N, C-alpha and C. Protein backbone atom coordinates (compact mmCIF):
# COMPACT_ATOMS: atom_id res chain seq x y z
N MET A 1 8.34 31.06 -8.74
CA MET A 1 7.07 31.42 -8.11
C MET A 1 6.71 30.41 -7.02
N VAL A 2 6.78 29.12 -7.34
CA VAL A 2 6.39 28.10 -6.37
C VAL A 2 7.36 28.08 -5.19
N GLU A 3 8.68 28.24 -5.48
CA GLU A 3 9.66 28.26 -4.40
C GLU A 3 9.43 29.45 -3.48
N ALA A 4 9.03 30.58 -4.05
CA ALA A 4 8.71 31.75 -3.24
C ALA A 4 7.51 31.45 -2.34
N GLU A 5 6.54 30.73 -2.88
CA GLU A 5 5.37 30.32 -2.11
C GLU A 5 5.79 29.42 -0.94
N PHE A 6 6.70 28.50 -1.23
CA PHE A 6 7.20 27.58 -0.19
C PHE A 6 7.90 28.37 0.90
N GLU A 7 8.77 29.31 0.52
CA GLU A 7 9.50 30.11 1.50
C GLU A 7 8.56 31.01 2.30
N ARG A 8 7.57 31.57 1.64
CA ARG A 8 6.64 32.46 2.32
C ARG A 8 5.84 31.71 3.38
N TYR A 9 5.47 30.49 3.09
CA TYR A 9 4.65 29.72 4.01
C TYR A 9 5.44 28.65 4.76
N TYR A 10 6.75 28.79 4.83
CA TYR A 10 7.57 27.75 5.45
C TYR A 10 7.16 27.47 6.89
N SER A 11 6.91 28.51 7.67
CA SER A 11 6.58 28.27 9.09
C SER A 11 5.26 27.51 9.22
N SER A 12 4.27 27.87 8.41
CA SER A 12 2.99 27.13 8.48
C SER A 12 3.15 25.72 7.91
N THR A 13 4.00 25.59 6.89
CA THR A 13 4.26 24.26 6.31
C THR A 13 4.94 23.37 7.32
N ARG A 14 5.91 23.93 8.03
CA ARG A 14 6.60 23.16 9.07
C ARG A 14 5.63 22.77 10.17
N ARG A 15 4.72 23.66 10.51
CA ARG A 15 3.70 23.38 11.54
C ARG A 15 2.79 22.24 11.08
N ILE A 16 2.40 22.23 9.82
CA ILE A 16 1.56 21.16 9.27
C ILE A 16 2.29 19.82 9.39
N ALA A 17 3.56 19.81 8.99
CA ALA A 17 4.35 18.57 9.06
C ALA A 17 4.51 18.12 10.51
N ALA A 18 4.72 19.07 11.42
CA ALA A 18 4.90 18.73 12.84
C ALA A 18 3.62 18.14 13.43
N VAL A 19 2.48 18.74 13.12
CA VAL A 19 1.21 18.25 13.65
C VAL A 19 0.92 16.85 13.11
N ARG A 20 1.15 16.63 11.82
CA ARG A 20 0.94 15.30 11.24
C ARG A 20 1.88 14.27 11.88
N ALA A 21 3.13 14.65 12.11
CA ALA A 21 4.11 13.74 12.72
C ALA A 21 3.70 13.37 14.14
N VAL A 22 3.24 14.35 14.91
CA VAL A 22 2.80 14.08 16.28
C VAL A 22 1.60 13.14 16.27
N ALA A 23 0.68 13.36 15.33
CA ALA A 23 -0.51 12.49 15.24
C ALA A 23 -0.11 11.05 14.95
N ILE A 24 0.84 10.84 14.05
CA ILE A 24 1.29 9.49 13.70
C ILE A 24 2.00 8.84 14.89
N VAL A 25 2.86 9.59 15.56
CA VAL A 25 3.59 9.05 16.72
C VAL A 25 2.60 8.64 17.80
N THR A 26 1.61 9.46 18.04
CA THR A 26 0.60 9.17 19.07
C THR A 26 -0.27 7.99 18.66
N LEU A 27 -0.74 8.00 17.42
CA LEU A 27 -1.63 6.95 16.94
C LEU A 27 -0.97 5.57 16.96
N TYR A 28 0.29 5.50 16.53
CA TYR A 28 0.99 4.22 16.43
C TYR A 28 1.83 3.89 17.65
N GLY A 29 1.87 4.78 18.64
CA GLY A 29 2.64 4.53 19.85
C GLY A 29 4.13 4.43 19.58
N LEU A 30 4.62 5.27 18.69
CA LEU A 30 6.04 5.25 18.32
C LEU A 30 6.84 6.06 19.34
N PRO A 31 8.15 5.81 19.42
CA PRO A 31 8.99 6.62 20.32
C PRO A 31 8.96 8.09 19.90
N GLN A 32 9.09 8.99 20.85
CA GLN A 32 9.02 10.42 20.57
C GLN A 32 10.12 10.91 19.65
N ASP A 33 11.30 10.26 19.67
CA ASP A 33 12.38 10.70 18.79
C ASP A 33 12.07 10.43 17.31
N THR A 34 11.06 9.64 17.04
CA THR A 34 10.63 9.37 15.67
C THR A 34 9.90 10.57 15.07
N ARG A 35 9.33 11.40 15.93
CA ARG A 35 8.56 12.55 15.48
C ARG A 35 9.38 13.46 14.56
N ALA A 36 10.61 13.76 14.95
CA ALA A 36 11.45 14.65 14.14
C ALA A 36 11.75 14.04 12.77
N ASP A 37 11.98 12.73 12.74
CA ASP A 37 12.23 12.05 11.47
C ASP A 37 11.01 12.11 10.56
N LEU A 38 9.83 11.89 11.14
CA LEU A 38 8.60 11.93 10.34
C LEU A 38 8.33 13.35 9.82
N GLU A 39 8.58 14.33 10.67
CA GLU A 39 8.40 15.72 10.26
C GLU A 39 9.33 16.05 9.09
N GLN A 40 10.56 15.60 9.19
CA GLN A 40 11.54 15.84 8.14
C GLN A 40 11.14 15.13 6.83
N GLU A 41 10.63 13.92 6.95
CA GLU A 41 10.16 13.18 5.76
C GLU A 41 9.03 13.94 5.07
N ALA A 42 8.10 14.47 5.86
CA ALA A 42 6.98 15.21 5.28
C ALA A 42 7.47 16.47 4.58
N LEU A 43 8.41 17.19 5.19
CA LEU A 43 8.95 18.40 4.57
C LEU A 43 9.73 18.07 3.30
N LEU A 44 10.47 16.99 3.34
CA LEU A 44 11.23 16.57 2.16
C LEU A 44 10.29 16.22 1.00
N GLU A 45 9.21 15.53 1.33
CA GLU A 45 8.22 15.18 0.29
C GLU A 45 7.57 16.43 -0.29
N LEU A 46 7.29 17.41 0.57
CA LEU A 46 6.73 18.67 0.08
C LEU A 46 7.72 19.36 -0.86
N TRP A 47 8.98 19.31 -0.53
CA TRP A 47 9.98 19.92 -1.40
C TRP A 47 10.04 19.19 -2.74
N ARG A 48 9.96 17.85 -2.70
CA ARG A 48 9.98 17.06 -3.94
C ARG A 48 8.76 17.36 -4.80
N LYS A 49 7.61 17.54 -4.16
CA LYS A 49 6.35 17.74 -4.89
C LYS A 49 6.10 19.21 -5.23
N LEU A 50 7.03 20.06 -4.87
CA LEU A 50 6.90 21.49 -5.12
C LEU A 50 6.56 21.82 -6.57
N PRO A 51 7.22 21.21 -7.57
CA PRO A 51 6.89 21.54 -8.97
C PRO A 51 5.47 21.17 -9.38
N LEU A 52 4.82 20.28 -8.64
CA LEU A 52 3.46 19.85 -9.00
C LEU A 52 2.37 20.77 -8.43
N TYR A 53 2.76 21.69 -7.57
CA TYR A 53 1.77 22.57 -6.94
C TYR A 53 1.15 23.51 -7.97
N ASP A 54 -0.17 23.56 -7.98
CA ASP A 54 -0.91 24.44 -8.88
C ASP A 54 -1.83 25.32 -8.04
N PRO A 55 -1.50 26.61 -7.90
CA PRO A 55 -2.30 27.49 -7.05
C PRO A 55 -3.76 27.64 -7.51
N SER A 56 -4.04 27.35 -8.77
CA SER A 56 -5.41 27.47 -9.25
C SER A 56 -6.29 26.31 -8.76
N ARG A 57 -5.66 25.23 -8.32
CA ARG A 57 -6.43 24.06 -7.87
C ARG A 57 -6.66 24.03 -6.36
N ALA A 58 -5.70 24.56 -5.60
CA ALA A 58 -5.85 24.53 -4.14
C ALA A 58 -4.89 25.54 -3.50
N SER A 59 -5.19 25.88 -2.27
CA SER A 59 -4.27 26.76 -1.55
C SER A 59 -3.03 25.97 -1.16
N TRP A 60 -1.96 26.69 -0.83
CA TRP A 60 -0.74 26.00 -0.41
C TRP A 60 -0.99 25.16 0.83
N ARG A 61 -1.76 25.68 1.76
CA ARG A 61 -2.05 24.96 3.01
C ARG A 61 -2.74 23.63 2.73
N THR A 62 -3.75 23.64 1.87
CA THR A 62 -4.46 22.41 1.52
C THR A 62 -3.52 21.42 0.84
N TYR A 63 -2.74 21.93 -0.09
CA TYR A 63 -1.79 21.08 -0.81
C TYR A 63 -0.79 20.46 0.17
N ALA A 64 -0.24 21.29 1.04
CA ALA A 64 0.75 20.82 2.02
C ALA A 64 0.14 19.78 2.95
N GLU A 65 -1.09 19.99 3.39
CA GLU A 65 -1.79 19.02 4.26
C GLU A 65 -1.88 17.66 3.58
N ARG A 66 -2.32 17.65 2.33
CA ARG A 66 -2.51 16.39 1.60
C ARG A 66 -1.20 15.67 1.34
N VAL A 67 -0.19 16.41 0.90
CA VAL A 67 1.10 15.80 0.60
C VAL A 67 1.73 15.22 1.87
N ALA A 68 1.71 15.99 2.96
CA ALA A 68 2.29 15.51 4.22
C ALA A 68 1.54 14.29 4.74
N ALA A 69 0.21 14.35 4.71
CA ALA A 69 -0.59 13.22 5.19
C ALA A 69 -0.33 11.97 4.36
N ASN A 70 -0.32 12.12 3.04
CA ASN A 70 -0.10 10.96 2.17
C ASN A 70 1.28 10.35 2.38
N ARG A 71 2.30 11.19 2.54
CA ARG A 71 3.65 10.66 2.74
C ARG A 71 3.76 9.89 4.05
N LEU A 72 3.18 10.43 5.11
CA LEU A 72 3.27 9.75 6.40
C LEU A 72 2.46 8.45 6.42
N VAL A 73 1.33 8.45 5.76
CA VAL A 73 0.53 7.22 5.66
C VAL A 73 1.31 6.16 4.88
N SER A 74 1.97 6.58 3.80
CA SER A 74 2.78 5.63 3.02
C SER A 74 3.92 5.06 3.85
N LEU A 75 4.56 5.91 4.63
CA LEU A 75 5.64 5.42 5.50
C LEU A 75 5.13 4.39 6.50
N MET A 76 3.98 4.65 7.09
CA MET A 76 3.42 3.71 8.07
C MET A 76 2.97 2.42 7.40
N ARG A 77 2.43 2.52 6.20
CA ARG A 77 2.01 1.33 5.46
C ARG A 77 3.23 0.46 5.15
N ASN A 78 4.30 1.08 4.67
CA ASN A 78 5.52 0.33 4.36
C ASN A 78 6.12 -0.28 5.62
N ARG A 79 6.04 0.45 6.72
CA ARG A 79 6.54 -0.07 8.00
C ARG A 79 5.73 -1.31 8.41
N HIS A 80 4.41 -1.22 8.25
CA HIS A 80 3.51 -2.33 8.60
C HIS A 80 3.77 -3.53 7.69
N LEU A 81 3.90 -3.28 6.39
CA LEU A 81 4.13 -4.38 5.45
C LEU A 81 5.49 -5.03 5.69
N SER A 82 6.49 -4.23 6.00
CA SER A 82 7.83 -4.78 6.26
C SER A 82 7.81 -5.70 7.47
N ALA A 83 6.99 -5.36 8.47
CA ALA A 83 6.91 -6.19 9.67
C ALA A 83 6.35 -7.57 9.35
N TYR A 84 5.56 -7.67 8.28
CA TYR A 84 4.96 -8.95 7.90
C TYR A 84 5.63 -9.57 6.68
N GLY A 85 6.81 -9.06 6.33
CA GLY A 85 7.57 -9.66 5.23
C GLY A 85 7.17 -9.17 3.86
N HIS A 86 6.31 -8.18 3.76
CA HIS A 86 5.92 -7.62 2.47
C HIS A 86 6.60 -6.27 2.33
N ARG A 87 6.85 -5.87 1.12
CA ARG A 87 7.40 -4.54 0.86
C ARG A 87 6.42 -3.81 -0.03
N GLY A 88 5.82 -2.74 0.48
CA GLY A 88 4.82 -2.00 -0.26
C GLY A 88 5.37 -1.25 -1.46
N ASP A 89 6.68 -0.94 -1.47
CA ASP A 89 7.21 -0.17 -2.57
C ASP A 89 7.71 -1.05 -3.72
N LEU A 90 7.64 -2.37 -3.57
CA LEU A 90 8.02 -3.27 -4.66
C LEU A 90 6.80 -3.62 -5.48
N PRO A 91 6.92 -3.60 -6.80
CA PRO A 91 5.77 -4.02 -7.61
C PRO A 91 5.48 -5.51 -7.39
N LEU A 92 4.21 -5.86 -7.38
CA LEU A 92 3.83 -7.25 -7.11
C LEU A 92 4.37 -8.20 -8.16
N ASP A 93 4.59 -7.73 -9.39
CA ASP A 93 5.07 -8.60 -10.46
C ASP A 93 6.51 -9.06 -10.24
N ASN A 94 7.27 -8.35 -9.41
CA ASN A 94 8.67 -8.70 -9.21
C ASN A 94 8.90 -9.60 -8.01
N ILE A 95 7.86 -10.00 -7.32
CA ILE A 95 8.02 -10.88 -6.17
C ILE A 95 8.40 -12.26 -6.68
N GLU A 96 9.41 -12.83 -6.06
CA GLU A 96 9.89 -14.14 -6.51
C GLU A 96 8.80 -15.18 -6.33
N ARG A 97 8.62 -15.98 -7.33
CA ARG A 97 7.59 -17.02 -7.30
C ARG A 97 8.22 -18.35 -6.91
N VAL A 98 7.44 -19.15 -6.20
CA VAL A 98 7.90 -20.48 -5.80
C VAL A 98 7.31 -21.49 -6.77
N ALA A 99 8.10 -22.44 -7.20
CA ALA A 99 7.62 -23.43 -8.15
C ALA A 99 6.54 -24.30 -7.50
N PRO A 100 5.45 -24.58 -8.21
CA PRO A 100 4.39 -25.40 -7.63
C PRO A 100 4.84 -26.85 -7.53
N PRO A 101 4.29 -27.58 -6.56
CA PRO A 101 4.65 -28.99 -6.45
C PRO A 101 4.08 -29.76 -7.64
N PHE A 102 4.70 -30.88 -7.97
CA PHE A 102 4.28 -31.65 -9.15
C PHE A 102 3.24 -32.71 -8.82
N ALA A 103 2.76 -32.73 -7.59
CA ALA A 103 1.76 -33.72 -7.22
C ALA A 103 0.45 -33.42 -7.93
N CYS A 104 -0.13 -34.41 -8.53
CA CYS A 104 -1.43 -34.24 -9.20
C CYS A 104 -2.52 -34.48 -8.18
N GLY A 105 -3.29 -33.44 -7.89
CA GLY A 105 -4.35 -33.58 -6.90
C GLY A 105 -5.58 -34.20 -7.50
N ILE A 106 -6.21 -35.05 -6.72
CA ILE A 106 -7.45 -35.67 -7.18
C ILE A 106 -8.62 -34.79 -6.76
N GLU A 107 -8.53 -34.19 -5.59
CA GLU A 107 -9.59 -33.32 -5.10
C GLU A 107 -9.36 -31.91 -5.60
N TRP A 108 -10.41 -31.13 -5.69
CA TRP A 108 -10.28 -29.75 -6.10
C TRP A 108 -9.48 -28.96 -5.08
N ARG A 109 -9.59 -29.33 -3.81
CA ARG A 109 -8.85 -28.62 -2.75
C ARG A 109 -7.35 -28.70 -3.00
N GLU A 110 -6.87 -29.86 -3.39
CA GLU A 110 -5.44 -30.02 -3.67
C GLU A 110 -5.04 -29.20 -4.89
N ASP A 111 -5.92 -29.13 -5.89
CA ASP A 111 -5.63 -28.33 -7.07
C ASP A 111 -5.54 -26.85 -6.71
N VAL A 112 -6.47 -26.41 -5.90
CA VAL A 112 -6.46 -25.01 -5.47
C VAL A 112 -5.18 -24.70 -4.68
N LEU A 113 -4.83 -25.58 -3.76
CA LEU A 113 -3.62 -25.38 -2.97
C LEU A 113 -2.37 -25.38 -3.86
N ARG A 114 -2.35 -26.24 -4.86
CA ARG A 114 -1.21 -26.30 -5.77
C ARG A 114 -1.07 -24.98 -6.53
N VAL A 115 -2.19 -24.45 -7.02
CA VAL A 115 -2.15 -23.18 -7.74
C VAL A 115 -1.71 -22.06 -6.81
N LEU A 116 -2.28 -22.01 -5.61
CA LEU A 116 -1.93 -20.96 -4.66
C LEU A 116 -0.47 -21.05 -4.24
N PHE A 117 0.06 -22.26 -4.12
CA PHE A 117 1.45 -22.44 -3.71
C PHE A 117 2.40 -21.83 -4.73
N GLY A 118 2.00 -21.80 -5.99
CA GLY A 118 2.83 -21.22 -7.04
C GLY A 118 2.69 -19.72 -7.18
N MET A 119 1.82 -19.11 -6.42
CA MET A 119 1.59 -17.68 -6.52
C MET A 119 2.51 -16.92 -5.57
N ALA A 120 2.63 -15.62 -5.80
CA ALA A 120 3.41 -14.75 -4.91
C ALA A 120 2.72 -14.69 -3.54
N ARG A 121 3.50 -14.39 -2.52
CA ARG A 121 2.95 -14.32 -1.16
C ARG A 121 1.79 -13.35 -1.06
N MET A 122 1.92 -12.21 -1.72
CA MET A 122 0.85 -11.20 -1.66
C MET A 122 -0.44 -11.77 -2.25
N ASP A 123 -0.34 -12.47 -3.39
CA ASP A 123 -1.52 -13.04 -4.02
C ASP A 123 -2.16 -14.11 -3.12
N ARG A 124 -1.34 -14.90 -2.46
CA ARG A 124 -1.88 -15.91 -1.53
C ARG A 124 -2.58 -15.23 -0.36
N ALA A 125 -1.98 -14.15 0.14
CA ALA A 125 -2.61 -13.42 1.26
C ALA A 125 -3.94 -12.83 0.83
N VAL A 126 -4.01 -12.30 -0.39
CA VAL A 126 -5.27 -11.76 -0.91
C VAL A 126 -6.31 -12.87 -1.02
N ALA A 127 -5.92 -14.01 -1.57
CA ALA A 127 -6.85 -15.13 -1.72
C ALA A 127 -7.38 -15.59 -0.36
N GLU A 128 -6.51 -15.71 0.62
CA GLU A 128 -6.93 -16.13 1.96
C GLU A 128 -7.91 -15.13 2.56
N SER A 129 -7.58 -13.85 2.44
CA SER A 129 -8.43 -12.82 3.02
C SER A 129 -9.79 -12.74 2.32
N LEU A 130 -9.80 -12.94 1.00
CA LEU A 130 -11.06 -12.86 0.25
C LEU A 130 -12.03 -13.98 0.60
N MET A 131 -11.53 -15.04 1.21
CA MET A 131 -12.44 -16.12 1.62
C MET A 131 -13.34 -15.65 2.76
N VAL A 132 -12.92 -14.61 3.48
CA VAL A 132 -13.67 -14.14 4.64
C VAL A 132 -14.16 -12.70 4.47
N TYR A 133 -13.32 -11.85 3.85
CA TYR A 133 -13.61 -10.43 3.78
C TYR A 133 -13.80 -9.97 2.33
N PRO A 134 -14.57 -8.89 2.12
CA PRO A 134 -14.70 -8.32 0.77
C PRO A 134 -13.38 -7.64 0.36
N ALA A 135 -13.29 -7.24 -0.90
CA ALA A 135 -12.05 -6.68 -1.44
C ALA A 135 -11.61 -5.42 -0.70
N ALA A 136 -12.56 -4.53 -0.41
CA ALA A 136 -12.19 -3.27 0.27
C ALA A 136 -11.60 -3.55 1.65
N GLN A 137 -12.20 -4.46 2.38
CA GLN A 137 -11.70 -4.80 3.71
C GLN A 137 -10.37 -5.56 3.61
N THR A 138 -10.21 -6.36 2.59
CA THR A 138 -8.94 -7.06 2.35
C THR A 138 -7.82 -6.05 2.16
N ALA A 139 -8.09 -5.00 1.40
CA ALA A 139 -7.09 -3.96 1.17
C ALA A 139 -6.66 -3.32 2.49
N VAL A 140 -7.62 -3.01 3.34
CA VAL A 140 -7.32 -2.40 4.63
C VAL A 140 -6.53 -3.37 5.51
N ARG A 141 -6.96 -4.62 5.57
CA ARG A 141 -6.28 -5.61 6.41
C ARG A 141 -4.84 -5.85 5.97
N LEU A 142 -4.59 -5.82 4.66
CA LEU A 142 -3.24 -6.09 4.14
C LEU A 142 -2.41 -4.82 4.01
N GLY A 143 -3.04 -3.68 4.20
CA GLY A 143 -2.31 -2.42 4.11
C GLY A 143 -1.89 -2.04 2.71
N VAL A 144 -2.73 -2.39 1.73
CA VAL A 144 -2.45 -2.06 0.33
C VAL A 144 -3.66 -1.35 -0.26
N SER A 145 -3.50 -0.81 -1.44
CA SER A 145 -4.63 -0.14 -2.09
C SER A 145 -5.62 -1.17 -2.64
N ARG A 146 -6.84 -0.71 -2.87
CA ARG A 146 -7.83 -1.60 -3.48
C ARG A 146 -7.41 -2.00 -4.87
N ALA A 147 -6.74 -1.10 -5.57
CA ALA A 147 -6.26 -1.42 -6.92
C ALA A 147 -5.28 -2.60 -6.87
N ALA A 148 -4.43 -2.64 -5.84
CA ALA A 148 -3.48 -3.74 -5.71
C ALA A 148 -4.23 -5.05 -5.46
N VAL A 149 -5.30 -4.99 -4.68
CA VAL A 149 -6.11 -6.19 -4.43
C VAL A 149 -6.77 -6.66 -5.72
N TYR A 150 -7.31 -5.73 -6.51
CA TYR A 150 -7.96 -6.12 -7.76
C TYR A 150 -6.95 -6.67 -8.78
N ARG A 151 -5.72 -6.13 -8.78
CA ARG A 151 -4.69 -6.70 -9.65
C ARG A 151 -4.36 -8.12 -9.22
N ALA A 152 -4.30 -8.35 -7.91
CA ALA A 152 -4.03 -9.70 -7.40
C ALA A 152 -5.17 -10.64 -7.78
N ILE A 153 -6.40 -10.16 -7.72
CA ILE A 153 -7.56 -10.98 -8.10
C ILE A 153 -7.45 -11.38 -9.57
N ARG A 154 -7.04 -10.43 -10.42
CA ARG A 154 -6.87 -10.76 -11.85
C ARG A 154 -5.81 -11.83 -12.04
N ARG A 155 -4.69 -11.70 -11.31
CA ARG A 155 -3.63 -12.72 -11.43
C ARG A 155 -4.12 -14.07 -10.91
N LEU A 156 -4.89 -14.06 -9.84
CA LEU A 156 -5.44 -15.31 -9.30
C LEU A 156 -6.38 -15.96 -10.31
N ARG A 157 -7.26 -15.17 -10.90
CA ARG A 157 -8.19 -15.73 -11.90
C ARG A 157 -7.44 -16.32 -13.08
N THR A 158 -6.42 -15.62 -13.54
CA THR A 158 -5.61 -16.11 -14.66
C THR A 158 -4.93 -17.42 -14.31
N ALA A 159 -4.36 -17.51 -13.11
CA ALA A 159 -3.65 -18.72 -12.68
C ALA A 159 -4.62 -19.90 -12.55
N PHE A 160 -5.79 -19.65 -11.98
CA PHE A 160 -6.76 -20.74 -11.82
C PHE A 160 -7.31 -21.20 -13.17
N THR A 161 -7.54 -20.26 -14.08
CA THR A 161 -8.02 -20.62 -15.41
C THR A 161 -6.96 -21.42 -16.16
N ALA A 162 -5.69 -20.99 -16.05
CA ALA A 162 -4.60 -21.71 -16.71
C ALA A 162 -4.44 -23.12 -16.15
N ALA A 163 -4.79 -23.31 -14.87
CA ALA A 163 -4.69 -24.63 -14.25
C ALA A 163 -5.93 -25.48 -14.54
N GLY A 164 -6.87 -24.94 -15.32
CA GLY A 164 -8.07 -25.70 -15.67
C GLY A 164 -9.18 -25.61 -14.64
N LEU A 165 -9.05 -24.68 -13.71
CA LEU A 165 -10.10 -24.47 -12.70
C LEU A 165 -10.87 -23.23 -13.06
N SER A 166 -11.99 -23.41 -13.72
CA SER A 166 -12.78 -22.26 -14.14
C SER A 166 -13.67 -21.79 -13.00
N PRO A 167 -14.09 -20.52 -13.05
CA PRO A 167 -14.95 -19.99 -11.99
C PRO A 167 -16.29 -20.73 -11.96
N LEU A 168 -16.89 -20.73 -10.78
CA LEU A 168 -18.22 -21.36 -10.64
C LEU A 168 -19.24 -20.52 -11.39
N ARG A 169 -20.17 -21.18 -12.01
CA ARG A 169 -21.24 -20.49 -12.73
C ARG A 169 -22.53 -20.68 -11.92
N HIS A 170 -23.15 -19.57 -11.58
CA HIS A 170 -24.43 -19.64 -10.87
C HIS A 170 -25.55 -19.66 -11.89
N GLU A 171 -26.41 -20.65 -11.77
CA GLU A 171 -27.51 -20.75 -12.74
C GLU A 171 -28.83 -20.50 -12.09
């Protein structure tokens, strides 16, 4: 049934993928030959997600729009993260950690830097960004989901607590 739906609406589905690909190429200033690759990625993702389509929840057009848009956004996010040395498709827990230096800091600043030095790059980037921006804006700036930022915050809190640096208490 779903495959028949896909075949019946193939031309409109291809049009949706093409329009989304052109928008991404224009928005990011990518070479025009990238458009065909992006269109193909969107169609491939639609084919992969075909078993998840539920006609009672949305029309095929709406479903195809969302799947194509989400796939292309994910591709651009991964492209952006790769340019800065991050990989969006790797879980944050698997990022190699660097051993903290053994210098005992006398100032709290040195303690904070020591703890941050032992954290994954993503966690350090989140900590740096949170000094200036709220969590939602940090997610946008780093090109990750808000959930990823909140997971990083939890890991940061755990690391600071384990190092004996408890959160400030406002009285």
